[in-house]
C-alpha atoms as a PDB file:
ATOM      1  CA  ARG A   1     153.514 189.880 140.228  1.00  0.00           C
ATOM      2  CA  ASP A   2     152.948 193.094 141.885  1.00  0.00           C
ATOM      3  CA  LEU A   3     156.902 194.034 141.730  1.00  0.00           C
ATOM      4  CA  THR A   4     157.636 197.176 143.760  1.00  0.00           C
ATOM      5  CA  ALA A   5     161.372 197.907 143.944  1.00  0.00           C
ATOM      6  CA  ARG A   6     163.326 200.953 145.468  1.00  0.00           C
ATOM      7  CA  HIS A   7     166.834 202.342 145.570  1.00  0.00           C
ATOM      8  CA  GLY A   8     167.071 203.012 149.507  1.00  0.00           C
ATOM      9  CA  PRO A   9     164.318 205.174 150.225  1.00  0.00           C
ATOM     10  CA  VAL A  10     163.282 206.008 146.553  1.00  0.00           C
ATOM     11  CA  PRO A  11     160.648 203.696 144.870  1.00  0.00           C
ATOM     12  CA  VAL A  12     162.040 203.126 141.319  1.00  0.00           C
ATOM     13  CA  LEU A  13     159.012 200.017 140.417  1.00  0.00           C
ATOM     14  CA  HIS A  14     155.355 200.421 141.221  1.00  0.00           C
ATOM     15  CA  GLY A  15     153.307 197.445 141.002  1.00  0.00           C
ATOM     16  CA  VAL A  16     154.909 195.522 138.199  1.00  0.00           C
ATOM     17  CA  SER A  17     153.219 192.486 137.082  1.00  0.00           C
ATOM     18  CA  LEU A  18     154.119 190.393 133.951  1.00  0.00           C
ATOM     19  CA  ALA A  19     154.958 186.789 132.342  1.00  0.00           C
ATOM     20  CA  VAL A  20     157.165 185.430 129.800  1.00  0.00           C
ATOM     21  CA  ALA A  21     155.574 182.042 128.514  1.00  0.00           C
ATOM     22  CA  PRO A  22     158.341 179.466 126.977  1.00  0.00           C
ATOM     23  CA  GLY A  23     159.565 180.195 123.755  1.00  0.00           C
ATOM     24  CA  GLU A  24     158.305 183.953 123.683  1.00  0.00           C
ATOM     25  CA  CYS A  25     160.340 187.041 123.816  1.00  0.00           C
ATOM     26  CA  LEU A  26     159.047 190.248 125.602  1.00  0.00           C
ATOM     27  CA  ALA A  27     160.595 193.350 124.740  1.00  0.00           C
ATOM     28  CA  VAL A  28     160.790 195.829 127.693  1.00  0.00           C
ATOM     29  CA  THR A  29     161.493 199.554 126.462  1.00  0.00           C
ATOM     30  CA  GLY A  30     160.992 202.976 128.020  1.00  0.00           C
ATOM     31  CA  ARG A  31     162.986 205.889 128.370  1.00  0.00           C
ATOM     32  CA  SER A  32     166.087 205.936 130.271  1.00  0.00           C
ATOM     33  CA  GLY A  33     165.604 205.932 133.982  1.00  0.00           C
ATOM     34  CA  SER A  34     162.129 204.533 133.289  1.00  0.00           C
ATOM     35  CA  GLY A  35     163.065 201.267 135.820  1.00  0.00           C
ATOM     36  CA  LYS A  36     163.920 198.950 133.111  1.00  0.00           C
ATOM     37  CA  THR A  37     167.338 197.648 134.473  1.00  0.00           C
ATOM     38  CA  THR A  38     165.976 197.568 138.059  1.00  0.00           C
ATOM     39  CA  LEU A  39     163.336 195.145 136.574  1.00  0.00           C
ATOM     40  CA  GLY A  40     165.599 192.813 135.105  1.00  0.00           C
ATOM     41  CA  ARG A  41     167.992 192.997 138.088  1.00  0.00           C
ATOM     42  CA  CYS A  42     165.009 192.030 140.253  1.00  0.00           C
ATOM     43  CA  LEU A  43     164.170 188.865 137.876  1.00  0.00           C
ATOM     44  CA  ALA A  44     167.875 187.598 138.101  1.00  0.00           C
ATOM     45  CA  GLY A  45     168.102 187.970 142.071  1.00  0.00           C
ATOM     46  CA  LEU A  46     170.507 191.140 141.640  1.00  0.00           C
ATOM     47  CA  HIS A  47     168.324 193.654 143.335  1.00  0.00           C
ATOM     48  CA  PRO A  48     166.659 192.182 146.259  1.00  0.00           C
ATOM     49  CA  ALA A  49     165.232 195.297 147.800  1.00  0.00           C
ATOM     50  CA  HIS A  50     161.744 194.765 146.507  1.00  0.00           C
ATOM     51  CA  ASP A  51     158.471 193.492 147.423  1.00  0.00           C
ATOM     52  CA  GLY A  52     156.179 191.196 145.313  1.00  0.00           C
ATOM     53  CA  THR A  53     156.330 187.589 144.071  1.00  0.00           C
ATOM     54  CA  LEU A  54     158.782 185.979 141.386  1.00  0.00           C
ATOM     55  CA  LEU A  55     157.474 182.990 140.172  1.00  0.00           C
ATOM     56  CA  LEU A  56     159.295 180.140 137.916  1.00  0.00           C
ATOM     57  CA  ASP A  57     157.204 177.434 136.460  1.00  0.00           C
ATOM     58  CA  GLY A  58     154.550 178.603 139.513  1.00  0.00           C
ATOM     59  CA  ALA A  59     157.079 178.143 142.314  1.00  0.00           C
ATOM     60  CA  PRO A  60     158.270 180.949 144.389  1.00  0.00           C
ATOM     61  CA  LEU A  61     161.839 182.130 143.298  1.00  0.00           C
ATOM     62  CA  PRO A  62     164.040 183.450 146.314  1.00  0.00           C
ATOM     63  CA  ARG A  63     164.709 187.270 145.704  1.00  0.00           C
ATOM     64  CA  SER A  64     168.361 187.366 146.371  1.00  0.00           C
ATOM     65  CA  LEU A  65     170.959 184.813 144.010  1.00  0.00           C
ATOM     66  CA  ARG A  66     172.527 184.277 147.059  1.00  0.00           C
ATOM     67  CA  THR A  67     169.815 182.228 148.313  1.00  0.00           C
ATOM     68  CA  ARG A  68     168.321 180.756 145.372  1.00  0.00           C
ATOM     69  CA  GLY A  69     169.844 177.092 144.327  1.00  0.00           C
ATOM     70  CA  ARG A  70     172.184 175.948 141.633  1.00  0.00           C
ATOM     71  CA  ALA A  71     169.190 174.949 139.209  1.00  0.00           C
ATOM     72  CA  GLN A  72     167.211 178.436 140.048  1.00  0.00           C
ATOM     73  CA  LEU A  73     170.337 180.275 139.551  1.00  0.00           C
ATOM     74  CA  ALA A  74     170.834 178.561 135.896  1.00  0.00           C
ATOM     75  CA  ALA A  75     167.457 178.595 134.978  1.00  0.00           C
ATOM     76  CA  VAL A  76     167.379 182.665 135.215  1.00  0.00           C
ATOM     77  CA  GLN A  77     170.519 184.462 133.826  1.00  0.00           C
ATOM     78  CA  TYR A  78     171.403 188.070 133.085  1.00  0.00           C
ATOM     79  CA  VAL A  79     173.138 189.657 130.472  1.00  0.00           C
ATOM     80  CA  PHE A  80     174.597 193.193 131.852  1.00  0.00           C
ATOM     81  CA  GLN A  81     174.752 196.326 129.738  1.00  0.00           C
ATOM     82  CA  ASP A  82     178.368 196.756 130.726  1.00  0.00           C
ATOM     83  CA  PRO A  83     179.908 193.543 129.709  1.00  0.00           C
ATOM     84  CA  ARG A  84     183.109 194.647 130.797  1.00  0.00           C
ATOM     85  CA  ALA A  85     182.533 195.312 134.183  1.00  0.00           C
ATOM     86  CA  ALA A  86     181.112 191.846 134.571  1.00  0.00           C
ATOM     87  CA  PHE A  87     184.427 189.845 133.535  1.00  0.00           C
ATOM     88  CA  ASP A  88     187.619 189.187 135.617  1.00  0.00           C
ATOM     89  CA  GLU A  89     190.106 191.221 134.169  1.00  0.00           C
ATOM     90  CA  HIS A  90     192.735 188.689 135.159  1.00  0.00           C
ATOM     91  CA  ARG A  91     191.227 185.372 133.621  1.00  0.00           C
ATOM     92  CA  PRO A  92     190.993 184.716 130.048  1.00  0.00           C
ATOM     93  CA  VAL A  93     187.662 185.356 128.803  1.00  0.00           C
ATOM     94  CA  LEU A  94     187.157 181.754 127.303  1.00  0.00           C
ATOM     95  CA  ASP A  95     187.513 180.336 130.838  1.00  0.00           C
ATOM     96  CA  GLN A  96     184.897 182.655 132.358  1.00  0.00           C
ATOM     97  CA  VAL A  97     182.472 181.511 129.760  1.00  0.00           C
ATOM     98  CA  ALA A  98     183.317 177.907 130.354  1.00  0.00           C
ATOM     99  CA  ARG A  99     183.036 177.887 134.030  1.00  0.00           C
ATOM    100  CA  THR A 100     179.199 178.530 133.927  1.00  0.00           C
ATOM    101  CA  ALA A 101     179.070 175.214 132.887  1.00  0.00           C
ATOM    102  CA  VAL A 102     180.942 173.672 135.479  1.00  0.00           C
ATOM    103  CA  ARG A 103     179.401 175.963 138.299  1.00  0.00           C
ATOM    104  CA  LEU A 104     175.496 175.790 137.147  1.00  0.00           C
ATOM    105  CA  ARG A 105     175.312 172.378 135.463  1.00  0.00           C
ATOM    106  CA  GLY A 106     177.831 170.204 136.893  1.00  0.00           C
ATOM    107  CA  ALA A 107     179.713 169.735 133.430  1.00  0.00           C
ATOM    108  CA  ASP A 108     183.550 168.389 133.310  1.00  0.00           C
ATOM    109  CA  ARG A 109     186.244 170.913 132.145  1.00  0.00           C
ATOM    110  CA  HIS A 110     186.629 169.518 128.423  1.00  0.00           C
ATOM    111  CA  THR A 111     183.063 169.328 127.935  1.00  0.00           C
ATOM    112  CA  ALA A 112     182.608 173.045 129.598  1.00  0.00           C
ATOM    113  CA  HIS A 113     185.215 174.341 127.121  1.00  0.00           C
ATOM    114  CA  ARG A 114     183.961 172.437 124.059  1.00  0.00           C
ATOM    115  CA  ALA A 115     180.535 174.300 124.724  1.00  0.00           C
ATOM    116  CA  ALA A 116     181.873 177.365 125.460  1.00  0.00           C
ATOM    117  CA  VAL A 117     184.051 177.261 122.010  1.00  0.00           C
ATOM    118  CA  ARG A 118     180.981 176.347 120.159  1.00  0.00           C
ATOM    119  CA  THR A 119     178.787 178.922 121.370  1.00  0.00           C
ATOM    120  CA  LEU A 120     181.403 181.385 120.760  1.00  0.00           C
ATOM    121  CA  GLU A 121     181.915 180.850 117.335  1.00  0.00           C
ATOM    122  CA  ARG A 122     178.297 180.627 116.892  1.00  0.00           C
ATOM    123  CA  LEU A 123     178.007 184.183 118.117  1.00  0.00           C
ATOM    124  CA  GLY A 124     180.936 185.121 115.580  1.00  0.00           C
ATOM    125  CA  LEU A 125     183.720 184.922 118.467  1.00  0.00           C
ATOM    126  CA  ALA A 126     186.710 182.963 117.282  1.00  0.00           C
ATOM    127  CA  GLU A 127     188.383 180.650 119.980  1.00  0.00           C
ATOM    128  CA  GLY A 128     191.883 182.631 119.522  1.00  0.00           C
ATOM    129  CA  THR A 129     190.513 185.675 120.164  1.00  0.00           C
ATOM    130  CA  ALA A 130     188.212 184.445 123.516  1.00  0.00           C
ATOM    131  CA  ARG A 131     191.553 183.104 125.041  1.00  0.00           C
ATOM    132  CA  ASN A 132     192.638 186.479 125.650  1.00  0.00           C
ATOM    133  CA  GLY A 133     191.895 188.557 128.895  1.00  0.00           C
ATOM    134  CA  PRO A 134     188.808 190.883 128.742  1.00  0.00           C
ATOM    135  CA  ALA A 135     190.957 194.135 128.127  1.00  0.00           C
ATOM    136  CA  ALA A 136     191.995 192.438 124.574  1.00  0.00           C
ATOM    137  CA  LEU A 137     188.469 192.213 123.413  1.00  0.00           C
ATOM    138  CA  SER A 138     186.514 194.887 122.181  1.00  0.00           C
ATOM    139  CA  GLY A 139     182.887 196.158 124.125  1.00  0.00           C
ATOM    140  CA  GLY A 140     181.174 194.423 121.306  1.00  0.00           C
ATOM    141  CA  GLU A 141     183.085 191.231 121.740  1.00  0.00           C
ATOM    142  CA  LEU A 142     183.101 191.087 125.460  1.00  0.00           C
ATOM    143  CA  GLN A 143     179.030 191.493 124.916  1.00  0.00           C
ATOM    144  CA  ARG A 144     178.798 188.383 122.752  1.00  0.00           C
ATOM    145  CA  ALA A 145     181.132 186.494 125.291  1.00  0.00           C
ATOM    146  CA  ALA A 146     178.451 187.660 127.956  1.00  0.00           C
ATOM    147  CA  VAL A 147     175.838 186.164 126.086  1.00  0.00           C
ATOM    148  CA  ALA A 148     177.736 183.021 125.499  1.00  0.00           C
ATOM    149  CA  ARG A 149     178.599 182.794 129.222  1.00  0.00           C
ATOM    150  CA  ALA A 150     174.678 182.867 130.082  1.00  0.00           C
ATOM    151  CA  LEU A 151     173.796 180.730 127.507  1.00  0.00           C
ATOM    152  CA  LEU A 152     176.279 177.930 128.966  1.00  0.00           C
ATOM    153  CA  ALA A 153     173.976 177.755 131.762  1.00  0.00           C
ATOM    154  CA  GLU A 154     170.943 176.563 129.195  1.00  0.00           C
ATOM    155  CA  PRO A 155     168.652 179.057 131.083  1.00  0.00           C
ATOM    156  CA  GLU A 156     164.961 179.038 131.053  1.00  0.00           C
ATOM    157  CA  ILE A 157     164.710 182.690 131.096  1.00  0.00           C
ATOM    158  CA  LEU A 158     167.208 185.018 129.774  1.00  0.00           C
ATOM    159  CA  VAL A 159     167.151 188.652 130.649  1.00  0.00           C
ATOM    160  CA  CYS A 160     169.212 190.775 128.177  1.00  0.00           C
ATOM    161  CA  ASP A 161     169.897 194.454 129.328  1.00  0.00           C
ATOM    162  CA  GLU A 162     170.753 196.331 126.097  1.00  0.00           C
ATOM    163  CA  ILE A 163     173.001 193.641 124.606  1.00  0.00           C
ATOM    164  CA  THR A 164     172.959 195.342 121.459  1.00  0.00           C
ATOM    165  CA  SER A 165     174.219 198.637 121.901  1.00  0.00           C
ATOM    166  CA  GLY A 166     177.803 197.745 121.249  1.00  0.00           C
ATOM    167  CA  LEU A 167     177.388 195.793 118.330  1.00  0.00           C
ATOM    168  CA  ASP A 168     177.927 196.491 114.548  1.00  0.00           C
ATOM    169  CA  PRO A 169     175.019 195.398 112.497  1.00  0.00           C
ATOM    170  CA  ASP A 170     176.476 192.046 110.982  1.00  0.00           C
ATOM    171  CA  SER A 171     177.144 191.059 114.559  1.00  0.00           C
ATOM    172  CA  ARG A 172     173.719 192.276 115.887  1.00  0.00           C
ATOM    173  CA  ALA A 173     172.145 190.022 113.279  1.00  0.00           C
ATOM    174  CA  THR A 174     174.226 187.123 114.145  1.00  0.00           C
ATOM    175  CA  LEU A 175     173.476 187.331 117.580  1.00  0.00           C
ATOM    176  CA  LEU A 176     169.686 188.203 117.310  1.00  0.00           C
ATOM    177  CA  ALA A 177     169.229 185.114 114.949  1.00  0.00           C
ATOM    178  CA  HIS A 178     171.153 182.812 117.272  1.00  0.00           C
ATOM    179  CA  LEU A 179     168.603 183.980 120.150  1.00  0.00           C
ATOM    180  CA  ALA A 180     165.717 183.509 117.638  1.00  0.00           C
ATOM    181  CA  ALA A 181     166.895 180.094 116.919  1.00  0.00           C
ATOM    182  CA  LEU A 182     167.053 179.131 120.640  1.00  0.00           C
ATOM    183  CA  ARG A 183     163.743 180.321 121.508  1.00  0.00           C
ATOM    184  CA  ASP A 184     162.537 178.325 119.054  1.00  0.00           C
ATOM    185  CA  ARG A 185     164.431 175.505 119.454  1.00  0.00           C
ATOM    186  CA  ARG A 186     164.928 175.262 123.225  1.00  0.00           C
ATOM    187  CA  SER A 187     161.728 177.316 124.164  1.00  0.00           C
ATOM    188  CA  LEU A 188     163.935 179.861 125.849  1.00  0.00           C
ATOM    189  CA  GLY A 189     162.128 182.632 127.375  1.00  0.00           C
ATOM    190  CA  LEU A 190     163.455 185.974 126.615  1.00  0.00           C
ATOM    191  CA  VAL A 191     163.464 189.400 128.364  1.00  0.00           C
ATOM    192  CA  LEU A 192     164.870 191.906 126.158  1.00  0.00           C
ATOM    193  CA  ILE A 193     165.440 195.272 127.626  1.00  0.00           C
ATOM    194  CA  THR A 194     166.609 197.677 124.884  1.00  0.00           C
ATOM    195  CA  HIS A 195     166.255 200.891 123.162  1.00  0.00           C
ATOM    196  CA  ASP A 196     167.046 199.196 119.991  1.00  0.00           C
ATOM    197  CA  ARG A 197     163.915 199.298 117.750  1.00  0.00           C
ATOM    198  CA  THR A 198     165.392 196.947 115.268  1.00  0.00           C
ATOM    199  CA  ALA A 199     166.478 194.552 117.739  1.00  0.00           C
ATOM    200  CA  ALA A 200     162.569 194.668 119.577  1.00  0.00           C
ATOM    201  CA  ASP A 201     160.878 194.592 115.963  1.00  0.00           C
ATOM    202  CA  THR A 202     163.380 191.614 115.062  1.00  0.00           C
ATOM    203  CA  LEU A 203     163.139 189.249 117.894  1.00  0.00           C
ATOM    204  CA  ALA A 204     160.104 190.229 120.440  1.00  0.00           C
ATOM    205  CA  ASP A 205     156.539 188.672 119.907  1.00  0.00           C
ATOM    206  CA  ARG A 206     155.402 191.452 122.745  1.00  0.00           C
ATOM    207  CA  ALA A 207     156.853 194.808 123.523  1.00  0.00           C
ATOM    208  CA  ALA A 208     155.809 196.584 127.006  1.00  0.00           C
ATOM    209  CA  VAL A 209     156.821 199.983 128.047  1.00  0.00           C
ATOM    210  CA  LEU A 210     157.892 201.247 131.334  1.00  0.00           C
ATOM    211  CA  ASP A 211     157.174 204.929 132.199  1.00  0.00           C
ATOM    212  CA  ALA A 212     158.150 206.007 135.566  1.00  0.00           C
ATOM    213  CA  GLY A 213     158.311 202.487 136.856  1.00  0.00           C
ATOM    214  CA  ARG A 214     154.965 201.637 135.768  1.00  0.00           C
ATOM    215  CA  LEU A 215     154.160 198.891 133.290  1.00  0.00           C
ATOM    216  CA  THR A 216     152.347 199.211 130.163  1.00  0.00           C
ATOM    217  CA  LEU A 217     151.638 195.471 129.068  1.00  0.00           C
ATOM    218  CA  PRO A 218     149.842 194.422 125.971  1.00  0.00           C
ATOM    219  CA  ALA A 219     147.807 191.430 125.758  1.00  0.00           C
ATOM    220  CA  GLY A 220     149.651 187.842 126.606  1.00  0.00           C
ATOM    221  CA  PRO A 221     150.207 185.257 129.209  1.00  0.00           C
ATOM    222  CA  THR A 222     148.381 185.992 132.556  1.00  0.00           C
ATOM    223  CA  PRO A 223     151.032 186.444 135.004  1.00  0.00           C
END
């Protein structure tokens, strides 16, 4: 509600209000530099330099992920546009995906490992590939691993920042189908930040446009 964000003294978002219902996908589109990524990072607690109110199930959500509890961190997950920068280059990708379930859901390592393998394979990424370090994976493979890592938290809201940009058509179709199934089966709320019109048309229930930090939002849930 009334989200105003800035980079240093420069305002980037101006009074943005939106709501995403369980099981709904909202596509956020707009030109480069319109504030889409900043909006996603605010929702995930990665950009605390903002004013306004964030609510999760009606309860206030701290601005910074550093002050969010484990349940709040698990509930709102963010998938970075540049997945290579989001992985530790010195550890196997599979271990990093599994660690989310250990850290945020308290799963034991064996259970987390099995869940990671299962989720990765559903996204078209084989266990043998995921056992490598990030440098051995392509950008598209890392993007799918990043989505899998976020899903291991079993979030209520998944913020996806240009997650289809590095994928071939078959991989994109597999990923979008999996997210659609989770949206329907688990009532996962999705915020899809994208330039990909096909992805938006395939997955989104509504589309909103950011223009110079101001949001044009169609009819939908009341913030």
